[in-house]
């Protein structure tokens, strides 16, 4: 069964899928809010780089896990 790219909101996630402050962007080292699951492994991105690479990776990603909405949460 072929899986397509999915945009998941934080509400749809369970605890073992959430990214933490220890997860860092593969491009710049900032906190990662996006995980792209590829056939060969995972890529982590900050919101900026996730938005930059999403169009290119969407065709080959198995899943697109986006928690960038957490940036707008009030504390």
N, C-alpha and C. Protein backbone atom coordinates (compact mmCIF):
# COMPACT_ATOMS: atom_id res chain seq x y z
N UNK A 1 0.85 -1.18 0.00
CA UNK A 1 0.00 0.00 0.00
C UNK A 1 0.89 1.24 0.00
N UNK A 2 0.67 2.14 -0.92
CA UNK A 2 1.44 3.36 -1.02
C UNK A 2 0.84 4.43 -0.13
N UNK A 3 1.69 5.06 0.67
CA UNK A 3 1.25 6.12 1.55
C UNK A 3 1.63 7.46 0.93
N UNK A 4 0.77 8.45 1.05
CA UNK A 4 1.06 9.76 0.48
C UNK A 4 1.41 10.75 1.58
N UNK A 5 1.92 11.91 1.18
CA UNK A 5 2.28 12.94 2.15
C UNK A 5 1.02 13.39 2.88
N UNK A 6 1.14 13.49 4.19
CA UNK A 6 0.03 13.93 5.01
C UNK A 6 0.48 15.10 5.86
N UNK A 7 -0.39 16.09 6.01
CA UNK A 7 -0.15 17.17 6.94
C UNK A 7 -0.92 16.84 8.20
N UNK A 8 -0.20 16.67 9.30
CA UNK A 8 -0.83 16.31 10.55
C UNK A 8 -0.74 17.48 11.52
N UNK A 9 -1.86 17.84 12.12
CA UNK A 9 -1.82 18.88 13.13
C UNK A 9 -1.39 18.27 14.46
N UNK A 10 -1.00 19.11 15.40
CA UNK A 10 -0.56 18.62 16.70
C UNK A 10 -1.68 17.84 17.37
N UNK A 11 -2.93 18.25 17.18
CA UNK A 11 -4.06 17.55 17.79
C UNK A 11 -4.17 16.10 17.34
N UNK A 12 -3.68 15.79 16.16
CA UNK A 12 -3.77 14.44 15.63
C UNK A 12 -2.61 13.54 16.07
N UNK A 13 -1.68 14.10 16.79
CA UNK A 13 -0.48 13.36 17.15
C UNK A 13 -0.63 12.73 18.52
N UNK A 14 0.03 11.60 18.70
CA UNK A 14 0.12 11.07 20.04
C UNK A 14 1.50 11.42 20.58
N UNK A 15 1.72 11.23 21.88
CA UNK A 15 2.93 11.71 22.53
C UNK A 15 4.22 11.17 21.93
N UNK A 16 4.23 9.95 21.43
CA UNK A 16 5.49 9.39 20.94
C UNK A 16 5.89 9.93 19.57
N UNK A 17 5.07 10.75 18.95
CA UNK A 17 5.41 11.34 17.66
C UNK A 17 5.83 12.80 17.77
N UNK A 18 5.56 13.45 18.89
CA UNK A 18 5.84 14.87 19.00
C UNK A 18 7.34 15.13 19.03
N UNK A 19 7.71 16.19 18.36
CA UNK A 19 9.10 16.63 18.35
C UNK A 19 9.39 17.39 19.64
N UNK A 20 10.63 17.33 20.10
CA UNK A 20 11.02 18.03 21.33
C UNK A 20 12.10 19.06 21.02
N UNK A 21 12.49 19.82 22.02
CA UNK A 21 13.54 20.82 21.85
C UNK A 21 14.87 20.17 21.48
N UNK A 22 15.03 18.90 21.75
CA UNK A 22 16.26 18.19 21.40
C UNK A 22 16.33 17.85 19.90
N UNK A 23 15.19 17.90 19.21
CA UNK A 23 15.17 17.62 17.77
C UNK A 23 15.57 18.89 17.03
N UNK A 24 16.61 18.80 16.20
CA UNK A 24 17.18 19.96 15.55
C UNK A 24 17.07 19.88 14.03
N UNK A 25 16.92 21.03 13.39
CA UNK A 25 16.81 21.14 11.94
C UNK A 25 18.10 20.62 11.29
N UNK A 26 17.96 19.77 10.30
CA UNK A 26 19.11 19.23 9.57
C UNK A 26 19.80 20.30 8.72
N UNK A 27 19.11 21.40 8.44
CA UNK A 27 19.70 22.45 7.61
C UNK A 27 20.45 23.51 8.41
N UNK A 28 19.88 23.92 9.56
CA UNK A 28 20.49 25.06 10.28
C UNK A 28 20.71 24.82 11.76
N UNK A 29 20.18 23.74 12.32
CA UNK A 29 20.38 23.44 13.73
C UNK A 29 19.36 24.06 14.67
N UNK A 30 18.40 24.83 14.15
CA UNK A 30 17.33 25.39 14.99
C UNK A 30 16.40 24.28 15.44
N UNK A 31 15.51 24.58 16.38
CA UNK A 31 14.56 23.57 16.84
C UNK A 31 13.71 23.08 15.67
N UNK A 32 13.57 21.78 15.57
CA UNK A 32 12.78 21.18 14.48
C UNK A 32 11.30 21.14 14.85
N UNK A 33 10.47 21.53 13.92
CA UNK A 33 9.03 21.45 14.06
C UNK A 33 8.41 20.58 12.97
N UNK A 34 9.24 20.12 12.05
CA UNK A 34 8.75 19.33 10.91
C UNK A 34 9.62 18.09 10.76
N UNK A 35 8.96 16.94 10.60
CA UNK A 35 9.67 15.68 10.31
C UNK A 35 9.15 15.16 8.98
N UNK A 36 10.05 14.99 8.03
CA UNK A 36 9.72 14.40 6.74
C UNK A 36 10.22 12.96 6.76
N UNK A 37 9.31 12.02 6.65
CA UNK A 37 9.70 10.62 6.63
C UNK A 37 9.85 10.17 5.19
N UNK A 38 11.05 9.76 4.88
CA UNK A 38 11.38 9.32 3.52
C UNK A 38 11.59 7.81 3.55
N UNK A 39 11.62 7.18 2.40
CA UNK A 39 11.88 5.74 2.33
C UNK A 39 13.25 5.41 2.93
N UNK A 40 14.18 6.35 2.85
CA UNK A 40 15.55 6.11 3.32
C UNK A 40 15.78 6.59 4.75
N UNK A 41 14.80 7.23 5.39
CA UNK A 41 14.96 7.73 6.76
C UNK A 41 14.19 9.01 6.97
N UNK A 42 14.53 9.72 8.04
CA UNK A 42 13.81 10.94 8.40
C UNK A 42 14.69 12.17 8.22
N UNK A 43 14.04 13.27 7.88
CA UNK A 43 14.67 14.58 7.83
C UNK A 43 13.92 15.48 8.79
N UNK A 44 14.65 16.30 9.55
CA UNK A 44 14.04 17.23 10.48
C UNK A 44 14.31 18.65 10.00
N UNK A 45 13.30 19.51 10.12
CA UNK A 45 13.43 20.88 9.67
C UNK A 45 12.79 21.85 10.65
N UNK A 46 13.36 23.05 10.75
CA UNK A 46 12.68 24.15 11.43
C UNK A 46 11.51 24.56 10.53
N UNK A 47 10.65 25.43 11.02
CA UNK A 47 9.49 25.85 10.21
C UNK A 47 9.94 26.52 8.91
N UNK A 48 10.98 27.33 8.98
CA UNK A 48 11.47 28.04 7.80
C UNK A 48 11.95 27.07 6.72
N UNK A 49 12.83 26.15 7.07
CA UNK A 49 13.37 25.23 6.07
C UNK A 49 12.33 24.19 5.65
N UNK A 50 11.43 23.83 6.54
CA UNK A 50 10.34 22.93 6.15
C UNK A 50 9.49 23.53 5.05
N UNK A 51 9.15 24.81 5.21
CA UNK A 51 8.37 25.49 4.18
C UNK A 51 9.16 25.61 2.88
N UNK A 52 10.45 25.85 3.01
CA UNK A 52 11.30 26.00 1.83
C UNK A 52 11.40 24.70 1.02
N UNK A 53 11.50 23.57 1.70
CA UNK A 53 11.72 22.29 1.01
C UNK A 53 10.47 21.45 0.78
N UNK A 54 9.34 21.86 1.32
CA UNK A 54 8.13 21.03 1.25
C UNK A 54 7.74 20.69 -0.19
N UNK A 55 7.73 21.66 -1.08
CA UNK A 55 7.31 21.39 -2.46
C UNK A 55 8.22 20.36 -3.14
N UNK A 56 9.51 20.43 -2.87
CA UNK A 56 10.45 19.50 -3.49
C UNK A 56 10.35 18.10 -2.90
N UNK A 57 10.09 18.02 -1.59
CA UNK A 57 10.07 16.72 -0.92
C UNK A 57 8.71 16.03 -0.95
N UNK A 58 7.65 16.79 -1.20
CA UNK A 58 6.29 16.23 -1.15
C UNK A 58 6.11 15.04 -2.09
N UNK A 59 6.78 15.07 -3.21
CA UNK A 59 6.62 13.99 -4.19
C UNK A 59 7.23 12.67 -3.73
N UNK A 60 8.21 12.74 -2.82
CA UNK A 60 8.89 11.50 -2.41
C UNK A 60 8.73 11.18 -0.93
N UNK A 61 8.15 12.09 -0.14
CA UNK A 61 7.98 11.85 1.29
C UNK A 61 6.84 10.87 1.54
N UNK A 62 7.04 9.99 2.51
CA UNK A 62 5.98 9.07 2.92
C UNK A 62 5.02 9.75 3.88
N UNK A 63 5.56 10.66 4.69
CA UNK A 63 4.75 11.41 5.66
C UNK A 63 5.38 12.77 5.89
N UNK A 64 4.54 13.77 6.11
CA UNK A 64 4.99 15.11 6.43
C UNK A 64 4.35 15.49 7.76
N UNK A 65 5.12 15.46 8.82
CA UNK A 65 4.65 15.70 10.18
C UNK A 65 5.00 17.13 10.55
N UNK A 66 4.00 18.00 10.69
CA UNK A 66 4.23 19.44 10.88
C UNK A 66 3.64 19.91 12.21
N UNK A 67 4.51 20.34 13.11
CA UNK A 67 4.09 20.89 14.40
C UNK A 67 4.37 22.39 14.47
N UNK A 68 4.55 23.04 13.34
CA UNK A 68 4.88 24.46 13.34
C UNK A 68 3.79 25.33 13.94
N UNK A 69 2.58 24.84 14.06
CA UNK A 69 1.50 25.61 14.70
C UNK A 69 1.83 25.87 16.17
N UNK A 70 2.73 25.07 16.76
CA UNK A 70 3.13 25.28 18.14
C UNK A 70 3.85 26.61 18.32
N UNK A 71 4.39 27.17 17.24
CA UNK A 71 5.06 28.46 17.33
C UNK A 71 4.09 29.60 17.66
N UNK A 72 2.83 29.40 17.41
CA UNK A 72 1.82 30.42 17.63
C UNK A 72 1.04 30.23 18.92
N UNK A 73 1.36 29.20 19.69
CA UNK A 73 0.67 28.95 20.95
C UNK A 73 1.09 29.97 21.99
N UNK A 74 0.13 30.41 22.80
CA UNK A 74 0.50 31.29 23.92
C UNK A 74 0.92 30.43 25.10
N UNK A 75 1.83 30.92 25.85
CA UNK A 75 2.39 30.12 26.95
C UNK A 75 1.65 30.38 28.24
